[in-house]
Protein backbone atom coordinates (compact mmCIF):
# COMPACT_ATOMS: atom_id res chain seq x y z
CA MET A 1 9.03 38.18 -0.88
CA ARG A 2 6.50 40.74 -2.92
CA ARG A 3 7.70 43.71 -0.79
CA PRO A 4 11.45 43.63 -1.83
CA VAL A 5 10.19 43.03 -5.59
CA ALA A 6 7.96 46.52 -4.99
CA GLY A 7 10.97 47.99 -3.27
CA ALA A 8 13.44 46.96 -6.30
CA VAL A 9 10.94 48.48 -8.39
CA LEU A 10 10.39 51.55 -6.70
CA VAL A 11 13.88 52.08 -6.44
CA SER A 12 14.58 50.81 -10.40
CA ALA A 13 11.61 53.56 -10.81
CA VAL A 14 13.65 56.23 -9.28
CA SER A 15 16.96 55.85 -10.92
CA LEU A 16 15.30 56.04 -14.54
CA ALA A 17 13.60 59.58 -13.39
CA SER A 18 17.15 60.59 -12.05
CA VAL A 19 18.94 59.23 -14.97
CA ALA A 20 16.23 61.47 -16.83
CA SER A 21 16.66 64.05 -15.66
CA LEU A 22 20.22 64.53 -16.14
CA ALA A 23 19.98 63.46 -19.45
CA GLY A 24 17.68 66.74 -20.07
CA CYS A 25 20.10 68.34 -18.00
CA SER A 26 23.04 67.74 -20.63
CA SER A 27 21.15 68.40 -23.69
CA ALA A 28 19.95 72.19 -21.96
CA ASP A 29 23.86 72.50 -21.41
CA ALA A 30 24.88 70.82 -25.07
CA SER A 31 23.29 73.96 -26.36
CA GLU A 32 25.75 76.57 -24.59
CA ASP A 33 28.27 74.27 -25.86
CA GLU A 34 27.57 75.01 -29.43
CA PRO A 35 29.16 78.10 -31.77
CA GLN A 36 26.40 80.79 -31.96
CA LEU A 37 27.21 82.92 -35.02
CA LYS A 38 25.60 86.50 -36.51
CA VAL A 39 27.00 88.27 -39.43
CA THR A 40 27.35 91.61 -39.79
CA GLY A 41 29.12 94.52 -41.02
CA ALA A 42 28.99 92.33 -44.64
CA PHE A 43 29.94 94.70 -47.98
CA MET A 44 32.21 94.55 -51.26
CA PRO A 45 33.75 97.35 -52.67
CA ARG A 46 32.52 98.65 -56.69
CA PRO A 47 35.21 95.44 -58.49
CA VAL A 48 36.99 97.38 -61.17
CA SER A 49 37.77 94.20 -63.08
CA ASP A 50 36.62 90.48 -62.80
CA MET A 51 37.74 89.96 -59.28
CA ALA A 52 36.08 91.38 -55.91
CA SER A 53 36.74 91.34 -52.11
CA GLY A 54 33.93 90.60 -49.32
CA PHE A 55 34.19 91.57 -46.24
CA LEU A 56 32.50 90.95 -42.73
CA THR A 57 32.22 89.99 -39.40
CA VAL A 58 30.85 86.20 -38.07
CA ALA A 59 30.56 87.30 -33.80
CA ASN A 60 30.41 83.95 -32.03
CA SER A 61 28.24 84.46 -29.13
CA GLY A 62 27.95 80.70 -28.18
CA GLY A 63 30.37 78.35 -26.32
CA ALA A 64 32.44 76.46 -29.00
CA ALA A 65 34.86 77.68 -31.35
CA ASP A 66 33.79 77.19 -35.24
CA LYS A 67 35.51 77.43 -38.04
CA LEU A 68 34.59 78.99 -41.59
CA THR A 69 35.91 76.57 -44.43
CA SER A 70 34.36 77.80 -47.07
CA VAL A 71 32.04 80.38 -49.26
CA THR A 72 29.47 80.27 -52.32
CA SER A 73 28.03 82.33 -54.40
CA ASP A 74 26.31 82.47 -57.62
CA ILE A 75 28.53 85.48 -59.15
CA SER A 76 30.96 83.43 -59.26
CA ASP A 77 32.56 79.73 -59.39
CA ASP A 78 35.86 80.29 -57.49
CA VAL A 79 34.80 81.95 -53.98
CA THR A 80 38.01 81.89 -52.07
CA ILE A 81 39.42 82.95 -48.27
CA HIS A 82 42.70 84.81 -47.98
CA GLU A 83 44.64 85.92 -45.12
CA THR A 84 46.95 88.51 -45.64
CA LYS A 85 49.99 88.56 -43.45
CA ASP A 86 53.49 91.04 -43.83
CA GLN A 87 51.13 92.31 -46.43
CA LYS A 88 50.68 89.44 -48.69
CA MET A 89 47.80 87.62 -49.62
CA ARG A 90 47.69 83.81 -49.29
CA GLN A 91 44.40 81.49 -49.35
CA VAL A 92 43.57 79.30 -46.63
CA LYS A 93 41.45 76.54 -45.67
CA SER A 94 39.09 78.12 -43.25
CA PHE A 95 39.02 80.52 -40.64
CA GLY A 96 39.10 80.56 -37.43
CA ILE A 97 35.96 81.88 -34.96
CA PRO A 98 36.70 81.43 -31.17
CA ALA A 99 33.70 81.05 -28.43
CA GLY A 100 32.63 84.37 -27.63
CA GLY A 101 35.02 85.98 -30.20
CA GLU A 102 34.79 86.88 -33.27
CA LEU A 103 35.88 86.28 -37.02
CA ASN A 104 36.95 90.12 -38.74
CA LEU A 105 37.38 90.50 -42.23
CA ALA A 106 38.35 93.76 -43.11
CA ARG A 107 40.60 95.57 -45.40
CA GLY A 108 44.44 95.37 -45.69
CA GLY A 109 43.13 91.92 -43.74
CA ASN A 110 41.80 88.99 -44.21
CA HIS A 111 39.15 88.28 -46.65
CA LEU A 112 37.04 86.74 -49.01
CA MET A 113 37.83 86.86 -52.50
CA PHE A 114 35.69 86.86 -55.50
CA MET A 115 37.50 85.46 -59.12
CA GLY A 116 35.83 85.17 -62.60
CA LEU A 117 33.16 87.76 -62.03
CA LYS A 118 30.19 86.22 -64.23
CA LYS A 119 28.78 89.79 -64.61
CA LYS A 120 29.71 93.36 -63.91
CA LEU A 121 28.75 94.73 -60.74
CA GLU A 122 27.82 98.36 -59.97
CA GLU A 123 27.42 100.39 -56.40
CA GLY A 124 23.91 99.23 -55.08
CA GLN A 125 23.25 95.80 -56.26
CA ARG A 126 23.59 93.12 -53.17
CA ILE A 127 25.48 90.27 -53.85
CA SER A 128 24.06 87.01 -52.45
CA VAL A 129 27.03 84.63 -50.62
CA GLU A 130 26.30 81.07 -48.70
CA LEU A 131 28.87 81.04 -45.33
CA HIS A 132 30.11 77.27 -44.80
CA PHE A 133 31.13 76.02 -41.39
CA GLU A 134 32.47 73.27 -39.58
CA LYS A 135 30.01 73.22 -37.00
CA THR A 136 27.55 75.38 -37.85
CA GLY A 137 25.13 75.40 -41.04
CA PRO A 138 25.38 77.60 -44.03
CA ILE A 139 24.33 81.03 -43.12
CA LYS A 140 23.56 83.65 -46.50
CA VAL A 141 24.55 86.85 -46.66
CA ASP A 142 23.76 89.58 -48.98
CA LEU A 143 26.84 92.15 -49.60
CA PRO A 144 25.72 96.06 -50.55
CA VAL A 145 27.96 96.84 -53.45
CA LYS A 146 29.58 99.62 -52.09
CA GLU A 147 32.04 102.57 -53.87
CA THR A 148 35.54 101.45 -54.86
CA THR A 149 36.93 102.88 -52.15
CA TYR A 150 34.62 102.52 -49.27
CA ASN A 151 35.79 101.95 -45.61
CA PRO A 152 33.63 101.22 -42.77
CA THR A 153 36.49 102.39 -40.86
CA ARG A 154 36.73 105.75 -41.95
CA HIS A 155 32.95 106.41 -42.54
């Protein structure tokens, strides 16, 4: 009678080892199913009033989409994200960042909007912002202040 018990213990041990190895595989695969975000090309044209715009690109090399949901900065208590359609801008709650794709905030298009700036900004300064996402943790980015007419597509 002891043999069947030993065999049952061996089968149970093999089953547990199989489950453990499968769990290890799925947790490794989970990282491929997460957004992997990187911010590039960030800048702010020098503002001429107490409002400013910010531009950048968020690339997502991961296997899952994410969303930019908000932006905070010590330069303004009112930073929003704006969509531009048919030459009209409006505030939106989020911007999608597709898996394997990017979100491009550019002049003449979607952008960050800073209202009620707390101080005058000059070319050469760097403005710190924190980007908040639906799935990914916050990302801190410095926006260099460029000349008022700066457009990277023309430089």
